[in-house]
PDB file of N, CA and C in Angstrom:
ATOM      1  N   MET A   1     -27.146   7.544 -22.411  1.00  0.00           N
ATOM      2  CA  MET A   1     -26.552   7.245 -20.957  1.00  0.00           C
ATOM      3  C   MET A   1     -26.623   8.332 -20.000  1.00  0.00           C
ATOM      4  N   ALA A   2     -27.047   7.687 -18.466  1.00  0.00           N
ATOM      5  CA  ALA A   2     -26.843   8.810 -17.872  1.00  0.00           C
ATOM      6  C   ALA A   2     -25.341   9.545 -17.640  1.00  0.00           C
ATOM      7  N   ALA A   3     -25.089  10.481 -16.890  1.00  0.00           N
ATOM      8  CA  ALA A   3     -24.113  10.901 -16.370  1.00  0.00           C
ATOM      9  C   ALA A   3     -24.036   9.942 -15.655  1.00  0.00           C
ATOM     10  N   LYS A   4     -22.661   9.897 -14.664  1.00  0.00           N
ATOM     11  CA  LYS A   4     -21.898   9.061 -13.751  1.00  0.00           C
ATOM     12  C   LYS A   4     -21.550  10.439 -12.860  1.00  0.00           C
ATOM     13  N   LYS A   5     -21.990   9.905 -11.601  1.00  0.00           N
ATOM     14  CA  LYS A   5     -21.497  10.934 -10.195  1.00  0.00           C
ATOM     15  C   LYS A   5     -20.140  11.028 -10.522  1.00  0.00           C
ATOM     16  N   LYS A   6     -19.767  11.867 -10.051  1.00  0.00           N
ATOM     17  CA  LYS A   6     -18.101  12.024 -10.057  1.00  0.00           C
ATOM     18  C   LYS A   6     -17.819  11.666  -8.035  1.00  0.00           C
ATOM     19  N   LYS A   7     -17.201  10.695  -7.829  1.00  0.00           N
ATOM     20  CA  LYS A   7     -16.934  10.380  -6.391  1.00  0.00           C
ATOM     21  C   LYS A   7     -15.995  11.446  -5.981  1.00  0.00           C
ATOM     22  N   LYS A   8     -16.378  11.903  -4.785  1.00  0.00           N
ATOM     23  CA  LYS A   8     -15.544  12.464  -3.987  1.00  0.00           C
ATOM     24  C   LYS A   8     -14.013  12.090  -3.761  1.00  0.00           C
ATOM     25  N   ALA A   9     -12.711  12.926  -3.173  1.00  0.00           N
ATOM     26  CA  ALA A   9     -11.654  12.188  -3.342  1.00  0.00           C
ATOM     27  C   ALA A   9     -12.001  11.799  -2.082  1.00  0.00           C
ATOM     28  N   PHE A  10     -10.768  10.823  -1.046  1.00  0.00           N
ATOM     29  CA  PHE A  10     -10.831  10.543  -0.246  1.00  0.00           C
ATOM     30  C   PHE A  10      -9.964  11.526   0.685  1.00  0.00           C
ATOM     31  N   GLY A  11     -10.069  11.284   1.414  1.00  0.00           N
ATOM     32  CA  GLY A  11      -9.651  12.097   2.923  1.00  0.00           C
ATOM     33  C   GLY A  11      -9.687  13.831   2.593  1.00  0.00           C
ATOM     34  N   GLY A  12      -8.462  14.561   2.433  1.00  0.00           N
ATOM     35  CA  GLY A  12      -8.714  15.592   2.018  1.00  0.00           C
ATOM     36  C   GLY A  12      -8.867  16.644   3.334  1.00  0.00           C
ATOM     37  N   TYR A  13      -7.704  16.469   4.304  1.00  0.00           N
ATOM     38  CA  TYR A  13      -7.661  17.587   5.300  1.00  0.00           C
ATOM     39  C   TYR A  13      -7.131  18.739   4.942  1.00  0.00           C
ATOM     40  N   ALA A  14      -7.903  19.783   5.758  1.00  0.00           N
ATOM     41  CA  ALA A  14      -7.038  21.156   5.921  1.00  0.00           C
ATOM     42  C   ALA A  14      -6.323  21.562   7.182  1.00  0.00           C
ATOM     43  N   ILE A  15      -5.149  21.406   7.191  1.00  0.00           N
ATOM     44  CA  ILE A  15      -4.519  21.896   8.911  1.00  0.00           C
ATOM     45  C   ILE A  15      -3.990  22.918   8.565  1.00  0.00           C
ATOM     46  N   ASN A  16      -4.583  24.037   9.771  1.00  0.00           N
ATOM     47  CA  ASN A  16      -3.822  25.370   9.879  1.00  0.00           C
ATOM     48  C   ASN A  16      -3.175  25.626  11.201  1.00  0.00           C
ATOM     49  N   PHE A  17      -1.868  25.596  11.079  1.00  0.00           N
ATOM     50  CA  PHE A  17      -1.098  25.622  12.121  1.00  0.00           C
ATOM     51  C   PHE A  17      -0.832  27.010  12.388  1.00  0.00           C
ATOM     52  N   ALA A  18      -1.250  28.500  12.160  1.00  0.00           N
ATOM     53  CA  ALA A  18      -0.857  29.292  11.909  1.00  0.00           C
ATOM     54  C   ALA A  18      -1.692  30.239  13.817  1.00  0.00           C
ATOM     55  N   GLY A  19      -0.874  30.516  14.051  1.00  0.00           N
ATOM     56  CA  GLY A  19      -0.873  31.165  15.476  1.00  0.00           C
ATOM     57  C   GLY A  19      -0.468  30.457  16.753  1.00  0.00           C
ATOM     58  N   GLN A  20      -0.154  28.886  16.222  1.00  0.00           N
ATOM     59  CA  GLN A  20       0.369  28.334  17.261  1.00  0.00           C
ATOM     60  C   GLN A  20       1.739  28.321  18.186  1.00  0.00           C
ATOM     61  N   LYS A  21       1.826  27.897  19.151  1.00  0.00           N
ATOM     62  CA  LYS A  21       2.926  28.556  19.798  1.00  0.00           C
ATOM     63  C   LYS A  21       3.628  27.230  20.299  1.00  0.00           C
ATOM     64  N   ALA A  22       2.817  26.216  19.901  1.00  0.00           N
ATOM     65  CA  ALA A  22       4.033  24.955  20.955  1.00  0.00           C
ATOM     66  C   ALA A  22       5.209  24.951  20.043  1.00  0.00           C
ATOM     67  N   THR A  23       6.182  24.076  20.936  1.00  0.00           N
ATOM     68  CA  THR A  23       7.114  23.499  20.184  1.00  0.00           C
ATOM     69  C   THR A  23       6.693  22.238  20.044  1.00  0.00           C
ATOM     70  N   LEU A  24       7.884  21.590  19.146  1.00  0.00           N
ATOM     71  CA  LEU A  24       8.448  20.307  18.910  1.00  0.00           C
ATOM     72  C   LEU A  24       8.613  19.517  19.942  1.00  0.00           C
ATOM     73  N   GLU A  25       9.273  19.879  21.164  1.00  0.00           N
ATOM     74  CA  GLU A  25       9.230  19.403  22.880  1.00  0.00           C
ATOM     75  C   GLU A  25       8.111  18.728  23.508  1.00  0.00           C
ATOM     76  N   GLU A  26       7.148  20.163  22.922  1.00  0.00           N
ATOM     77  CA  GLU A  26       5.688  20.177  24.123  1.00  0.00           C
ATOM     78  C   GLU A  26       4.611  18.835  22.898  1.00  0.00           C
ATOM     79  N   VAL A  27       4.405  19.037  21.648  1.00  0.00           N
ATOM     80  CA  VAL A  27       3.679  17.938  20.889  1.00  0.00           C
ATOM     81  C   VAL A  27       4.008  17.061  20.865  1.00  0.00           C
ATOM     82  N   PHE A  28       5.749  16.372  20.719  1.00  0.00           N
ATOM     83  CA  PHE A  28       6.277  15.026  20.920  1.00  0.00           C
ATOM     84  C   PHE A  28       6.985  14.363  21.869  1.00  0.00           C
ATOM     85  N   GLY A  29       7.459  15.479  23.223  1.00  0.00           N
ATOM     86  CA  GLY A  29       8.457  14.790  24.314  1.00  0.00           C
ATOM     87  C   GLY A  29       9.439  14.719  23.705  1.00  0.00           C
ATOM     88  N   LYS A  30      10.676  14.597  24.947  1.00  0.00           N
ATOM     89  CA  LYS A  30      12.292  14.678  24.792  1.00  0.00           C
ATOM     90  C   LYS A  30      12.340  13.309  24.232  1.00  0.00           C
ATOM     91  N   ALA A  31      11.545  12.077  24.252  1.00  0.00           N
ATOM     92  CA  ALA A  31      12.081  10.777  24.238  1.00  0.00           C
ATOM     93  C   ALA A  31      12.090  10.952  22.623  1.00  0.00           C
ATOM     94  N   ALA A  32      12.909   9.409  22.709  1.00  0.00           N
ATOM     95  CA  ALA A  32      13.100   9.083  21.297  1.00  0.00           C
ATOM     96  C   ALA A  32      11.826   8.563  20.604  1.00  0.00           C
ATOM     97  N   LEU A  33      11.303   8.914  19.462  1.00  0.00           N
ATOM     98  CA  LEU A  33       9.665   8.248  19.038  1.00  0.00           C
ATOM     99  C   LEU A  33      10.359   7.500  17.328  1.00  0.00           C
ATOM    100  N   VAL A  34       9.529   6.276  17.720  1.00  0.00           N
ATOM    101  CA  VAL A  34       9.263   5.889  16.367  1.00  0.00           C
ATOM    102  C   VAL A  34       7.971   6.950  14.916  1.00  0.00           C
ATOM    103  N   PRO A  35       8.388   6.801  14.218  1.00  0.00           N
ATOM    104  CA  PRO A  35       7.562   7.958  13.370  1.00  0.00           C
ATOM    105  C   PRO A  35       6.194   7.490  13.175  1.00  0.00           C
ATOM    106  N   SER A  36       5.269   5.629  13.846  1.00  0.00           N
ATOM    107  CA  SER A  36       4.277   5.375  13.525  1.00  0.00           C
ATOM    108  C   SER A  36       3.861   6.383  15.353  1.00  0.00           C
ATOM    109  N   GLN A  37       4.702   6.299  15.733  1.00  0.00           N
ATOM    110  CA  GLN A  37       4.350   7.329  17.765  1.00  0.00           C
ATOM    111  C   GLN A  37       4.291   8.977  17.190  1.00  0.00           C
ATOM    112  N   MET A  38       5.034   9.206  16.292  1.00  0.00           N
ATOM    113  CA  MET A  38       4.942  10.606  15.984  1.00  0.00           C
ATOM    114  C   MET A  38       4.202  11.429  15.234  1.00  0.00           C
ATOM    115  N   THR A  39       3.166   9.826  14.425  1.00  0.00           N
ATOM    116  CA  THR A  39       1.992  10.541  13.613  1.00  0.00           C
ATOM    117  C   THR A  39       1.084  10.280  14.826  1.00  0.00           C
ATOM    118  N   LYS A  40       0.766   9.487  15.736  1.00  0.00           N
ATOM    119  CA  LYS A  40      -0.186   9.727  16.796  1.00  0.00           C
ATOM    120  C   LYS A  40      -0.304  10.690  17.270  1.00  0.00           C
ATOM    121  N   LYS A  41       1.101  10.706  18.325  1.00  0.00           N
ATOM    122  CA  LYS A  41       1.116  12.590  18.762  1.00  0.00           C
ATOM    123  C   LYS A  41       0.834  13.548  17.778  1.00  0.00           C
ATOM    124  N   LEU A  42       0.919  13.923  16.880  1.00  0.00           N
ATOM    125  CA  LEU A  42       0.823  14.765  15.730  1.00  0.00           C
ATOM    126  C   LEU A  42      -0.705  14.743  15.585  1.00  0.00           C
ATOM    127  N   TRP A  43      -1.335  14.046  15.496  1.00  0.00           N
ATOM    128  CA  TRP A  43      -2.913  13.695  14.989  1.00  0.00           C
ATOM    129  C   TRP A  43      -3.734  14.037  16.242  1.00  0.00           C
ATOM    130  N   ALA A  44      -3.073  13.622  17.490  1.00  0.00           N
ATOM    131  CA  ALA A  44      -4.344  13.994  18.768  1.00  0.00           C
ATOM    132  C   ALA A  44      -4.002  15.571  18.990  1.00  0.00           C
ATOM    133  N   PHE A  45      -2.507  16.176  18.662  1.00  0.00           N
ATOM    134  CA  PHE A  45      -2.101  17.906  18.892  1.00  0.00           C
ATOM    135  C   PHE A  45      -3.491  18.536  18.131  1.00  0.00           C
ATOM    136  N   ILE A  46      -3.434  17.712  16.797  1.00  0.00           N
ATOM    137  CA  ILE A  46      -3.952  18.315  15.422  1.00  0.00           C
ATOM    138  C   ILE A  46      -5.621  18.394  16.338  1.00  0.00           C
ATOM    139  N   LYS A  47      -6.127  17.383  16.519  1.00  0.00           N
ATOM    140  CA  LYS A  47      -7.539  16.952  17.253  1.00  0.00           C
ATOM    141  C   LYS A  47      -8.093  17.741  18.274  1.00  0.00           C
ATOM    142  N   GLY A  48      -6.793  18.093  18.919  1.00  0.00           N
ATOM    143  CA  GLY A  48      -7.477  18.500  20.092  1.00  0.00           C
ATOM    144  C   GLY A  48      -7.251  20.205  20.369  1.00  0.00           C
ATOM    145  N   LYS A  49      -6.740  20.765  19.631  1.00  0.00           N
ATOM    146  CA  LYS A  49      -6.632  22.038  19.248  1.00  0.00           C
ATOM    147  C   LYS A  49      -7.538  22.615  18.092  1.00  0.00           C
ATOM    148  N   LYS A  50      -8.144  21.322  17.387  1.00  0.00           N
ATOM    149  CA  LYS A  50      -9.077  21.433  16.440  1.00  0.00           C
ATOM    150  C   LYS A  50      -8.710  22.360  15.465  1.00  0.00           C
ATOM    151  N   LEU A  51      -7.490  21.850  14.892  1.00  0.00           N
ATOM    152  CA  LEU A  51      -6.794  22.509  13.507  1.00  0.00           C
ATOM    153  C   LEU A  51      -7.065  22.070  12.260  1.00  0.00           C
ATOM    154  N   GLY A  52      -7.765  20.648  12.103  1.00  0.00           N
ATOM    155  CA  GLY A  52      -8.036  20.029  11.274  1.00  0.00           C
ATOM    156  C   GLY A  52      -9.214  20.528  10.796  1.00  0.00           C
ATOM    157  N   LYS A  53      -9.491  20.614   9.321  1.00  0.00           N
ATOM    158  CA  LYS A  53     -10.705  21.051   9.063  1.00  0.00           C
ATOM    159  C   LYS A  53     -10.932  20.115   8.065  1.00  0.00           C
ATOM    160  N   LYS A  54     -11.931  19.195   7.828  1.00  0.00           N
ATOM    161  CA  LYS A  54     -12.197  17.832   6.382  1.00  0.00           C
ATOM    162  C   LYS A  54     -12.544  19.076   5.530  1.00  0.00           C
ATOM    163  N   GLY A  55     -11.964  18.634   4.326  1.00  0.00           N
ATOM    164  CA  GLY A  55     -12.854  19.432   2.693  1.00  0.00           C
ATOM    165  C   GLY A  55     -13.115  18.566   2.094  1.00  0.00           C
TER     166      GLY A  55
END
């Protein structure tokens, strides 16, 4: 039997916030947000600052 190829795990982002000075208000704003909007804003911040690295 041939050995099966092991699939790489889905996802796998490494996010490094070291050295960031942004406050939560700068990232999310002052208005109340639902969790889905918080997630969108957080990922926009991560991508905008190039903090995420797919591993």
